[in-house]
């Protein structure tokens, strides 16, 4: 797979690196016969191993915002600010439409903390899946996985990165798996 900059419906953009799928929560859960309802419903994480020749060209920082500075382990409460950068090709390559701010609607207690519902001014759309969400401190909160239709139309479901990463550490076989912090300082701009 390739990583590109400024892609759109009309252009694939500029290739800045390549890599291979190193881990998929879905494939791992199927292989292991995972039965936990919440784990199966909300654990939606894929990891890509960047080709060694491209490591210096691929920046782990969240575009526009910087960070992450760590992993959110406290969860969210309604009204907490969140930050993300979605780069769906449906935005026709207009990068000004990619950074999003919003608020958390709180942790979802019914799912054991596996997801957070968030509302942003422009919700994540197809092609934004997998975008990282940061909390007010610049900690990695989670990964965009769903667009809600009901009961909160336009809200997004964000899988809890702490839980997803812990599952990957226990089931992936990747030694030393951990979050790589961004090289650019987090700046909420607020």
N, C-alpha and C. Protein backbone atom coordinates (compact mmCIF):
# COMPACT_ATOMS: atom_id res chain seq x y z
N UNK A 1 0.84 -1.16 0.00
CA UNK A 1 0.00 0.00 0.00
C UNK A 1 0.89 1.23 0.00
N UNK A 2 0.32 2.33 -0.45
CA UNK A 2 1.10 3.58 -0.51
C UNK A 2 0.46 4.65 0.36
N UNK A 3 1.30 5.59 0.81
CA UNK A 3 0.85 6.76 1.54
C UNK A 3 0.99 7.93 0.58
N UNK A 4 -0.05 8.75 0.50
CA UNK A 4 0.03 9.87 -0.43
C UNK A 4 -0.42 11.15 0.23
N UNK A 5 -0.01 12.24 -0.38
CA UNK A 5 -0.34 13.58 0.08
C UNK A 5 -1.26 14.22 -0.95
N UNK A 6 -2.29 14.88 -0.52
CA UNK A 6 -3.18 15.66 -1.39
C UNK A 6 -3.90 14.85 -2.46
N UNK A 7 -4.35 13.65 -2.11
CA UNK A 7 -5.14 12.86 -3.04
C UNK A 7 -6.57 13.38 -3.13
N UNK A 8 -7.23 13.08 -4.22
CA UNK A 8 -8.62 13.48 -4.42
C UNK A 8 -9.29 12.47 -5.34
N UNK A 9 -10.56 12.73 -5.68
CA UNK A 9 -11.25 11.85 -6.62
C UNK A 9 -10.60 11.89 -8.00
N UNK A 10 -9.97 13.02 -8.33
CA UNK A 10 -9.36 13.19 -9.65
C UNK A 10 -7.90 12.76 -9.70
N UNK A 11 -7.22 12.71 -8.56
CA UNK A 11 -5.79 12.42 -8.55
C UNK A 11 -5.44 11.59 -7.33
N UNK A 12 -4.48 10.69 -7.50
CA UNK A 12 -4.03 9.89 -6.36
C UNK A 12 -3.06 10.66 -5.48
N UNK A 13 -2.71 11.88 -5.85
CA UNK A 13 -1.82 12.69 -5.05
C UNK A 13 -0.36 12.30 -5.24
N UNK A 14 0.48 12.79 -4.35
CA UNK A 14 1.91 12.51 -4.42
C UNK A 14 2.25 11.40 -3.43
N UNK A 15 2.85 10.33 -3.91
CA UNK A 15 3.24 9.22 -3.04
C UNK A 15 4.41 9.65 -2.17
N UNK A 16 4.25 9.45 -0.84
CA UNK A 16 5.32 9.83 0.09
C UNK A 16 5.90 8.61 0.81
N UNK A 17 5.35 7.44 0.58
CA UNK A 17 5.87 6.24 1.21
C UNK A 17 5.02 5.03 0.90
N UNK A 18 5.49 3.88 1.36
CA UNK A 18 4.73 2.65 1.16
C UNK A 18 4.94 1.74 2.37
N UNK A 19 4.08 0.74 2.45
CA UNK A 19 4.16 -0.18 3.56
C UNK A 19 3.29 -1.40 3.34
N UNK A 20 3.24 -2.25 4.35
CA UNK A 20 2.45 -3.47 4.27
C UNK A 20 1.58 -3.60 5.53
N UNK A 21 0.45 -4.25 5.39
CA UNK A 21 -0.43 -4.47 6.52
C UNK A 21 0.28 -5.36 7.53
N UNK A 22 0.44 -4.85 8.75
CA UNK A 22 1.13 -5.61 9.80
C UNK A 22 0.14 -6.23 10.78
N UNK A 23 -1.05 -5.63 10.90
CA UNK A 23 -2.03 -6.12 11.87
C UNK A 23 -3.40 -5.61 11.48
N UNK A 24 -4.39 -6.47 11.62
CA UNK A 24 -5.80 -6.12 11.44
C UNK A 24 -6.56 -6.75 12.59
N UNK A 25 -7.25 -5.92 13.38
CA UNK A 25 -8.02 -6.46 14.49
C UNK A 25 -9.09 -7.44 13.98
N UNK A 26 -9.70 -7.12 12.85
CA UNK A 26 -10.75 -7.98 12.32
C UNK A 26 -10.21 -9.35 11.94
N UNK A 27 -9.10 -9.38 11.22
CA UNK A 27 -8.51 -10.67 10.84
C UNK A 27 -8.04 -11.45 12.06
N UNK A 28 -7.46 -10.74 13.02
CA UNK A 28 -6.97 -11.39 14.24
C UNK A 28 -8.12 -11.97 15.05
N UNK A 29 -9.20 -11.21 15.21
CA UNK A 29 -10.34 -11.71 15.98
C UNK A 29 -10.97 -12.93 15.31
N UNK A 30 -11.04 -12.93 13.97
CA UNK A 30 -11.58 -14.09 13.26
C UNK A 30 -10.68 -15.30 13.46
N UNK A 31 -9.37 -15.09 13.31
CA UNK A 31 -8.41 -16.19 13.46
C UNK A 31 -8.46 -16.77 14.87
N UNK A 32 -8.58 -15.91 15.88
CA UNK A 32 -8.56 -16.36 17.27
C UNK A 32 -9.94 -16.79 17.80
N UNK A 33 -10.98 -16.60 17.00
CA UNK A 33 -12.32 -16.97 17.43
C UNK A 33 -12.84 -16.09 18.56
N UNK A 34 -12.50 -14.81 18.53
CA UNK A 34 -12.94 -13.87 19.58
C UNK A 34 -14.46 -13.88 19.69
N UNK A 35 -14.97 -13.95 20.92
CA UNK A 35 -16.42 -14.01 21.15
C UNK A 35 -16.96 -12.82 21.93
N UNK A 36 -16.09 -11.98 22.50
CA UNK A 36 -16.55 -10.84 23.30
C UNK A 36 -17.36 -9.88 22.44
N UNK A 37 -18.62 -9.65 22.81
CA UNK A 37 -19.51 -8.82 21.99
C UNK A 37 -18.96 -7.41 21.81
N UNK A 38 -18.52 -6.78 22.89
CA UNK A 38 -18.00 -5.42 22.77
C UNK A 38 -16.69 -5.37 21.99
N UNK A 39 -15.83 -6.34 22.25
CA UNK A 39 -14.57 -6.41 21.53
C UNK A 39 -14.84 -6.54 20.03
N UNK A 40 -15.72 -7.44 19.67
CA UNK A 40 -16.02 -7.66 18.25
C UNK A 40 -16.71 -6.46 17.61
N UNK A 41 -17.53 -5.76 18.36
CA UNK A 41 -18.28 -4.63 17.81
C UNK A 41 -17.45 -3.37 17.65
N UNK A 42 -16.47 -3.15 18.54
CA UNK A 42 -15.80 -1.85 18.58
C UNK A 42 -14.30 -1.89 18.33
N UNK A 43 -13.70 -3.05 18.24
CA UNK A 43 -12.26 -3.17 18.03
C UNK A 43 -11.97 -3.13 16.54
N UNK A 44 -11.66 -1.95 16.02
CA UNK A 44 -11.48 -1.75 14.58
C UNK A 44 -10.17 -1.02 14.34
N UNK A 45 -9.06 -1.75 14.38
CA UNK A 45 -7.74 -1.15 14.27
C UNK A 45 -6.89 -1.92 13.27
N UNK A 46 -6.24 -1.19 12.38
CA UNK A 46 -5.27 -1.79 11.46
C UNK A 46 -3.97 -1.01 11.61
N UNK A 47 -2.86 -1.73 11.50
CA UNK A 47 -1.54 -1.12 11.59
C UNK A 47 -0.75 -1.44 10.33
N UNK A 48 -0.04 -0.44 9.84
CA UNK A 48 0.76 -0.59 8.63
C UNK A 48 2.23 -0.44 9.00
N UNK A 49 3.05 -1.38 8.57
CA UNK A 49 4.49 -1.28 8.75
C UNK A 49 5.06 -0.50 7.57
N UNK A 50 5.66 0.64 7.90
CA UNK A 50 6.23 1.50 6.87
C UNK A 50 7.51 0.85 6.35
N UNK A 51 7.68 0.82 5.01
CA UNK A 51 8.89 0.27 4.43
C UNK A 51 10.10 1.04 4.95
N UNK A 52 11.18 0.33 5.31
CA UNK A 52 12.36 0.99 5.89
C UNK A 52 12.89 2.17 5.06
N UNK A 53 12.83 2.08 3.77
CA UNK A 53 13.35 3.17 2.92
C UNK A 53 12.51 4.43 3.04
N UNK A 54 11.27 4.30 3.52
CA UNK A 54 10.36 5.44 3.59
C UNK A 54 10.14 5.98 5.00
N UNK A 55 10.73 5.35 6.01
CA UNK A 55 10.47 5.73 7.40
C UNK A 55 10.74 7.22 7.64
N UNK A 56 11.81 7.75 7.09
CA UNK A 56 12.14 9.15 7.34
C UNK A 56 11.20 10.11 6.60
N UNK A 57 10.43 9.62 5.64
CA UNK A 57 9.52 10.47 4.87
C UNK A 57 8.09 10.47 5.40
N UNK A 58 7.78 9.58 6.33
CA UNK A 58 6.43 9.46 6.86
C UNK A 58 6.45 9.96 8.31
N UNK A 59 5.68 11.00 8.57
CA UNK A 59 5.68 11.64 9.89
C UNK A 59 4.51 11.09 10.72
N UNK A 60 4.77 10.65 11.96
CA UNK A 60 3.69 10.11 12.80
C UNK A 60 2.78 11.19 13.39
N UNK A 61 3.08 12.46 13.18
CA UNK A 61 2.27 13.54 13.73
C UNK A 61 0.93 13.62 13.03
N UNK A 62 -0.10 14.03 13.78
CA UNK A 62 -1.42 14.25 13.19
C UNK A 62 -1.34 15.55 12.40
N UNK A 63 -1.68 15.51 11.10
CA UNK A 63 -1.61 16.74 10.32
C UNK A 63 -2.43 17.86 10.97
N UNK A 64 -1.97 19.06 10.84
CA UNK A 64 -2.59 20.29 11.32
C UNK A 64 -2.49 20.45 12.84
N UNK A 65 -2.78 19.40 13.61
CA UNK A 65 -2.84 19.50 15.06
C UNK A 65 -1.53 19.15 15.76
N UNK A 66 -0.70 18.30 15.17
CA UNK A 66 0.47 17.80 15.86
C UNK A 66 0.08 16.68 16.82
N UNK A 67 1.06 16.22 17.63
CA UNK A 67 0.81 15.11 18.53
C UNK A 67 0.67 13.81 17.75
N UNK A 68 0.30 12.74 18.37
CA UNK A 68 -0.13 12.62 19.75
C UNK A 68 1.04 12.68 20.72
N UNK A 69 0.70 13.07 21.96
CA UNK A 69 1.72 13.16 23.00
C UNK A 69 1.68 11.94 23.92
N UNK A 70 0.67 11.12 23.80
CA UNK A 70 0.50 9.92 24.61
C UNK A 70 -0.84 9.29 24.28
N UNK A 71 -1.31 8.41 25.14
CA UNK A 71 -2.61 7.75 24.95
C UNK A 71 -3.56 8.21 26.06
N UNK A 72 -4.77 8.60 25.67
CA UNK A 72 -5.81 8.96 26.65
C UNK A 72 -6.22 7.70 27.40
N UNK A 73 -6.08 7.72 28.70
CA UNK A 73 -6.48 6.57 29.52
C UNK A 73 -7.63 6.93 30.46
N UNK A 74 -8.06 8.19 30.44
CA UNK A 74 -9.10 8.65 31.35
C UNK A 74 -10.50 8.62 30.74
N UNK A 75 -10.58 8.53 29.41
CA UNK A 75 -11.88 8.59 28.76
C UNK A 75 -12.36 10.04 28.65
N UNK A 76 -13.60 10.20 28.25
CA UNK A 76 -14.14 11.54 28.04
C UNK A 76 -15.48 11.69 28.75
N UNK A 77 -15.87 12.92 28.96
CA UNK A 77 -17.20 13.24 29.47
C UNK A 77 -17.86 14.15 28.44
N UNK A 78 -19.18 14.23 28.45
CA UNK A 78 -19.86 15.09 27.48
C UNK A 78 -19.32 16.52 27.52
N UNK A 79 -19.01 17.03 26.35
CA UNK A 79 -18.51 18.40 26.21
C UNK A 79 -17.00 18.51 26.09
N UNK A 80 -16.26 17.42 26.38
CA UNK A 80 -14.81 17.47 26.21
C UNK A 80 -14.46 17.73 24.75
N UNK A 81 -13.51 18.64 24.47
CA UNK A 81 -13.13 18.89 23.07
C UNK A 81 -12.34 17.72 22.48
N UNK A 82 -12.52 17.52 21.18
CA UNK A 82 -11.78 16.50 20.43
C UNK A 82 -11.28 17.12 19.13
N UNK A 83 -10.21 16.52 18.58
CA UNK A 83 -9.57 17.03 17.37
C UNK A 83 -9.25 15.86 16.46
N UNK A 84 -9.45 16.05 15.17
CA UNK A 84 -9.13 15.00 14.21
C UNK A 84 -8.77 15.62 12.88
N UNK A 85 -8.24 14.80 12.00
CA UNK A 85 -7.90 15.23 10.65
C UNK A 85 -8.31 14.10 9.72
N UNK A 86 -9.38 14.32 8.96
CA UNK A 86 -9.86 13.32 8.02
C UNK A 86 -9.56 13.77 6.61
N UNK A 87 -9.05 12.88 5.79
CA UNK A 87 -8.63 13.28 4.45
C UNK A 87 -9.33 12.46 3.37
N UNK A 88 -10.63 12.34 3.48
CA UNK A 88 -11.40 11.58 2.50
C UNK A 88 -11.27 12.21 1.12
N UNK A 89 -11.17 11.36 0.12
CA UNK A 89 -11.11 11.87 -1.26
C UNK A 89 -12.43 12.53 -1.66
N UNK A 90 -13.50 12.31 -0.88
CA UNK A 90 -14.78 12.95 -1.17
C UNK A 90 -14.72 14.46 -0.93
N UNK A 91 -13.66 14.93 -0.26
CA UNK A 91 -13.48 16.37 -0.06
C UNK A 91 -12.73 17.00 -1.24
N UNK A 92 -12.52 16.24 -2.30
CA UNK A 92 -11.94 16.71 -3.56
C UNK A 92 -10.57 17.37 -3.39
N UNK A 93 -9.79 16.89 -2.41
CA UNK A 93 -8.44 17.41 -2.23
C UNK A 93 -8.36 18.79 -1.60
N UNK A 94 -9.47 19.29 -1.08
CA UNK A 94 -9.47 20.61 -0.43
C UNK A 94 -9.01 20.40 1.01
N UNK A 95 -7.72 20.60 1.27
CA UNK A 95 -7.15 20.28 2.57
C UNK A 95 -7.71 21.14 3.70
N UNK A 96 -8.23 22.31 3.39
CA UNK A 96 -8.82 23.16 4.43
C UNK A 96 -10.04 22.51 5.07
N UNK A 97 -10.63 21.51 4.40
CA UNK A 97 -11.80 20.81 4.94
C UNK A 97 -11.42 19.61 5.81
N UNK A 98 -10.13 19.33 5.93
CA UNK A 98 -9.69 18.12 6.62
C UNK A 98 -9.59 18.23 8.14
N UNK A 99 -9.10 19.35 8.72
CA UNK A 99 -9.05 19.40 10.19
C UNK A 99 -10.45 19.62 10.76
N UNK A 100 -10.77 18.89 11.83
CA UNK A 100 -12.08 19.00 12.46
C UNK A 100 -11.91 19.15 13.96
N UNK A 101 -12.76 19.99 14.55
CA UNK A 101 -12.88 20.06 16.00
C UNK A 101 -14.28 19.62 16.36
N UNK A 102 -14.44 19.20 17.57
CA UNK A 102 -15.76 18.79 18.00
C UNK A 102 -15.79 18.57 19.50
N UNK A 103 -16.82 17.86 19.92
CA UNK A 103 -16.96 17.54 21.34
C UNK A 103 -17.29 16.07 21.50
N UNK A 104 -16.88 15.55 22.63
CA UNK A 104 -17.25 14.19 22.97
C UNK A 104 -18.67 14.21 23.52
N UNK A 105 -19.39 13.17 23.22
CA UNK A 105 -20.71 12.98 23.80
C UNK A 105 -20.60 12.05 25.01
N UNK A 106 -19.34 11.69 25.35
CA UNK A 106 -19.07 10.86 26.52
C UNK A 106 -18.75 9.43 26.14
N UNK A 107 -18.14 8.74 27.09
CA UNK A 107 -17.83 7.33 26.89
C UNK A 107 -19.12 6.53 26.87
N UNK A 108 -19.08 5.44 26.17
CA UNK A 108 -20.25 4.58 26.07
C UNK A 108 -20.14 3.46 27.11
N UNK A 109 -20.72 3.68 28.28
CA UNK A 109 -20.61 2.73 29.39
C UNK A 109 -21.15 1.35 29.01
N UNK A 110 -22.16 1.31 28.16
CA UNK A 110 -22.79 0.03 27.81
C UNK A 110 -21.84 -0.89 27.06
N UNK A 111 -20.78 -0.34 26.44
CA UNK A 111 -19.86 -1.18 25.69
C UNK A 111 -18.54 -1.41 26.43
N UNK A 112 -18.52 -1.13 27.72
CA UNK A 112 -17.32 -1.37 28.52
C UNK A 112 -16.19 -0.39 28.23
N UNK A 113 -16.53 0.77 27.68
CA UNK A 113 -15.50 1.77 27.39
C UNK A 113 -14.77 1.56 26.08
N UNK A 114 -15.28 0.69 25.22
CA UNK A 114 -14.61 0.41 23.95
C UNK A 114 -14.81 1.53 22.93
N UNK A 115 -15.77 2.44 23.13
CA UNK A 115 -15.96 3.49 22.14
C UNK A 115 -16.37 4.80 22.78
N UNK A 116 -16.18 5.85 22.00
CA UNK A 116 -16.56 7.21 22.39
C UNK A 116 -17.43 7.76 21.25
N UNK A 117 -18.52 8.40 21.59
CA UNK A 117 -19.32 9.08 20.58
C UNK A 117 -18.85 10.53 20.53
N UNK A 118 -18.61 11.03 19.32
CA UNK A 118 -18.14 12.40 19.16
C UNK A 118 -18.98 13.10 18.10
N UNK A 119 -19.06 14.39 18.23
CA UNK A 119 -19.76 15.23 17.26
C UNK A 119 -18.77 16.27 16.78
N UNK A 120 -18.56 16.36 15.48
CA UNK A 120 -17.70 17.40 14.92
C UNK A 120 -18.51 18.25 13.97
N UNK A 121 -18.03 19.46 13.70
CA UNK A 121 -18.75 20.37 12.81
C UNK A 121 -19.04 19.71 11.47
N UNK A 122 -18.08 18.99 10.94
CA UNK A 122 -18.28 18.21 9.72
C UNK A 122 -17.95 16.77 10.10
N UNK A 123 -18.93 15.87 10.14
CA UNK A 123 -18.66 14.52 10.60
C UNK A 123 -17.71 13.78 9.67
N UNK A 124 -17.05 12.76 10.22
CA UNK A 124 -16.24 11.90 9.39
C UNK A 124 -17.12 11.26 8.32
N UNK A 125 -16.59 11.12 7.14
CA UNK A 125 -17.33 10.56 6.01
C UNK A 125 -16.55 9.38 5.45
N UNK A 126 -17.14 8.59 4.55
CA UNK A 126 -16.39 7.48 3.97
C UNK A 126 -15.05 7.96 3.41
N UNK A 127 -14.01 7.25 3.79
CA UNK A 127 -12.65 7.64 3.43
C UNK A 127 -11.90 8.22 4.62
N UNK A 128 -12.64 8.66 5.65
CA UNK A 128 -12.02 9.17 6.87
C UNK A 128 -11.79 8.06 7.89
N UNK A 129 -12.36 6.90 7.68
CA UNK A 129 -12.22 5.81 8.65
C UNK A 129 -10.75 5.57 8.95
N UNK A 130 -10.46 5.36 10.20
CA UNK A 130 -9.09 5.16 10.63
C UNK A 130 -8.40 6.44 11.06
N UNK A 131 -9.07 7.58 10.88
CA UNK A 131 -8.49 8.85 11.32
C UNK A 131 -8.38 8.83 12.84
N UNK A 132 -7.28 9.36 13.33
CA UNK A 132 -7.07 9.42 14.77
C UNK A 132 -7.79 10.60 15.39
N UNK A 133 -8.29 10.43 16.60
CA UNK A 133 -8.90 11.51 17.39
C UNK A 133 -8.02 11.79 18.58
N UNK A 134 -7.82 13.07 18.87
CA UNK A 134 -7.03 13.52 20.01
C UNK A 134 -7.94 14.17 21.03
N UNK A 135 -7.56 14.08 22.31
CA UNK A 135 -8.30 14.79 23.34
C UNK A 135 -7.71 16.19 23.52
N UNK A 136 -8.20 16.94 24.50
CA UNK A 136 -7.78 18.32 24.72
C UNK A 136 -6.31 18.45 25.09
N UNK A 137 -5.69 17.37 25.56
CA UNK A 137 -4.28 17.40 25.93
C UNK A 137 -3.36 16.96 24.80
N UNK A 138 -3.94 16.51 23.69
CA UNK A 138 -3.15 15.99 22.58
C UNK A 138 -2.88 14.51 22.69
N UNK A 139 -3.54 13.84 23.65
CA UNK A 139 -3.40 12.38 23.77
C UNK A 139 -4.28 11.70 22.73
N UNK A 140 -3.82 10.57 22.22
CA UNK A 140 -4.59 9.79 21.26
C UNK A 140 -5.79 9.18 21.96
N UNK A 141 -6.98 9.59 21.56
CA UNK A 141 -8.22 9.10 22.15
C UNK A 141 -8.69 7.83 21.46
N UNK A 142 -8.71 7.86 20.13
CA UNK A 142 -9.23 6.71 19.42
C UNK A 142 -9.16 6.86 17.92
N UNK A 143 -9.80 5.91 17.26
CA UNK A 143 -9.77 5.79 15.81
C UNK A 143 -11.21 5.80 15.29
N UNK A 144 -11.48 6.68 14.32
CA UNK A 144 -12.81 6.79 13.73
C UNK A 144 -13.19 5.47 13.06
N UNK A 145 -14.37 4.95 13.43
CA UNK A 145 -14.80 3.71 12.80
C UNK A 145 -16.20 3.76 12.23
N UNK A 146 -17.09 4.62 12.75
CA UNK A 146 -18.46 4.62 12.23
C UNK A 146 -19.04 6.03 12.13
N UNK A 147 -19.99 6.17 11.23
CA UNK A 147 -20.84 7.36 11.17
C UNK A 147 -22.21 6.89 11.65
N UNK A 148 -22.74 7.58 12.63
CA UNK A 148 -24.01 7.17 13.23
C UNK A 148 -25.20 7.72 12.43
N UNK A 149 -26.20 6.92 12.28
CA UNK A 149 -27.45 7.36 11.67
C UNK A 149 -28.52 7.58 12.73
N UNK A 150 -28.48 6.76 13.79
CA UNK A 150 -29.43 6.90 14.89
C UNK A 150 -28.75 6.40 16.16
N UNK A 151 -29.01 6.90 17.29
CA UNK A 151 -29.98 7.94 17.57
C UNK A 151 -29.42 9.35 17.32
N UNK A 152 -28.13 9.49 17.09
CA UNK A 152 -27.51 10.81 16.91
C UNK A 152 -26.96 10.93 15.50
N UNK A 153 -27.80 11.29 14.55
CA UNK A 153 -27.38 11.37 13.15
C UNK A 153 -26.19 12.30 13.01
N UNK A 154 -25.16 11.82 12.30
CA UNK A 154 -23.97 12.62 12.05
C UNK A 154 -22.90 12.51 13.11
N UNK A 155 -23.20 11.85 14.23
CA UNK A 155 -22.15 11.61 15.23
C UNK A 155 -21.23 10.52 14.69
N UNK A 156 -20.03 10.46 15.24
CA UNK A 156 -19.08 9.41 14.85
C UNK A 156 -18.77 8.53 16.04
N UNK A 157 -18.62 7.25 15.76
CA UNK A 157 -18.13 6.30 16.76
C UNK A 157 -16.63 6.20 16.64
N UNK A 158 -15.95 6.41 17.76
CA UNK A 158 -14.49 6.38 17.79
C UNK A 158 -14.07 5.26 18.73
N UNK A 159 -13.39 4.25 18.18
CA UNK A 159 -12.92 3.15 19.01
C UNK A 159 -11.86 3.63 19.98
N UNK A 160 -11.85 3.11 21.20
CA UNK A 160 -10.90 3.53 22.22
C UNK A 160 -9.51 2.97 21.90
N UNK A 161 -8.55 3.85 21.61
CA UNK A 161 -7.22 3.41 21.20
C UNK A 161 -6.51 2.63 22.29
N UNK A 162 -6.68 3.03 23.54
CA UNK A 162 -6.03 2.29 24.62
C UNK A 162 -6.44 0.83 24.64
N UNK A 163 -7.73 0.57 24.50
CA UNK A 163 -8.24 -0.81 24.49
C UNK A 163 -7.81 -1.54 23.21
N UNK A 164 -7.90 -0.85 22.06
CA UNK A 164 -7.52 -1.49 20.79
C UNK A 164 -6.04 -1.83 20.76
N UNK A 165 -5.20 -0.94 21.27
CA UNK A 165 -3.76 -1.19 21.29
C UNK A 165 -3.42 -2.31 22.27
N UNK A 166 -4.06 -2.33 23.44
CA UNK A 166 -3.83 -3.41 24.39
C UNK A 166 -4.20 -4.77 23.78
N UNK A 167 -5.30 -4.81 23.04
CA UNK A 167 -5.71 -6.05 22.38
C UNK A 167 -4.65 -6.45 21.35
N UNK A 168 -4.18 -5.49 20.57
CA UNK A 168 -3.15 -5.78 19.56
C UNK A 168 -1.86 -6.27 20.23
N UNK A 169 -1.48 -5.65 21.34
CA UNK A 169 -0.27 -6.08 22.04
C UNK A 169 -0.39 -7.52 22.51
N UNK A 170 -1.58 -7.92 22.93
CA UNK A 170 -1.80 -9.28 23.43
C UNK A 170 -1.98 -10.32 22.34
N UNK A 171 -2.42 -9.89 21.14
CA UNK A 171 -2.79 -10.88 20.12
C UNK A 171 -2.03 -10.78 18.79
N UNK A 172 -1.23 -9.75 18.59
CA UNK A 172 -0.62 -9.56 17.28
C UNK A 172 0.68 -10.31 17.07
N UNK A 173 1.39 -10.60 18.15
CA UNK A 173 2.71 -11.20 18.02
C UNK A 173 3.79 -10.20 17.62
N UNK A 174 3.45 -8.90 17.62
CA UNK A 174 4.43 -7.86 17.27
C UNK A 174 5.13 -7.44 18.57
N UNK A 175 6.39 -7.79 18.69
CA UNK A 175 7.16 -7.46 19.89
C UNK A 175 7.35 -5.95 20.00
N UNK A 176 7.16 -5.43 21.21
CA UNK A 176 7.41 -4.02 21.46
C UNK A 176 6.39 -3.06 20.86
N UNK A 177 5.22 -3.55 20.48
CA UNK A 177 4.20 -2.70 19.87
C UNK A 177 3.79 -1.59 20.83
N UNK A 178 3.85 -0.34 20.35
CA UNK A 178 3.48 0.81 21.18
C UNK A 178 3.13 2.00 20.28
N UNK A 179 2.50 2.99 20.89
CA UNK A 179 2.17 4.22 20.18
C UNK A 179 3.45 4.99 19.90
N UNK A 180 3.60 5.47 18.67
CA UNK A 180 4.70 6.36 18.33
C UNK A 180 4.18 7.78 18.47
N UNK A 181 4.82 8.55 19.30
CA UNK A 181 4.40 9.94 19.52
C UNK A 181 4.73 10.79 18.31
N UNK A 182 3.92 11.82 18.12
CA UNK A 182 4.16 12.75 17.03
C UNK A 182 5.45 13.51 17.23
N UNK A 183 6.04 13.93 16.14
CA UNK A 183 7.28 14.71 16.22
C UNK A 183 7.00 16.20 16.26
N UNK A 184 5.75 16.57 16.01
CA UNK A 184 5.35 17.99 16.07
C UNK A 184 4.50 18.19 17.32
N UNK A 185 4.72 19.31 18.01
CA UNK A 185 3.99 19.61 19.24
C UNK A 185 2.49 19.72 18.95
N UNK A 186 1.68 19.24 19.89
CA UNK A 186 0.23 19.39 19.77
C UNK A 186 -0.15 20.85 19.96
N UNK A 187 -1.03 21.34 19.10
CA UNK A 187 -1.52 22.72 19.20
C UNK A 187 -2.98 22.72 18.80
N UNK A 188 -3.86 22.91 19.78
CA UNK A 188 -5.29 22.90 19.49
C UNK A 188 -5.73 24.15 18.75
N UNK A 189 -4.89 25.18 18.76
CA UNK A 189 -5.23 26.42 18.07
C UNK A 189 -6.30 27.21 18.77
N UNK A 190 -6.72 26.76 19.93
CA UNK A 190 -7.79 27.46 20.66
C UNK A 190 -7.24 28.23 21.83
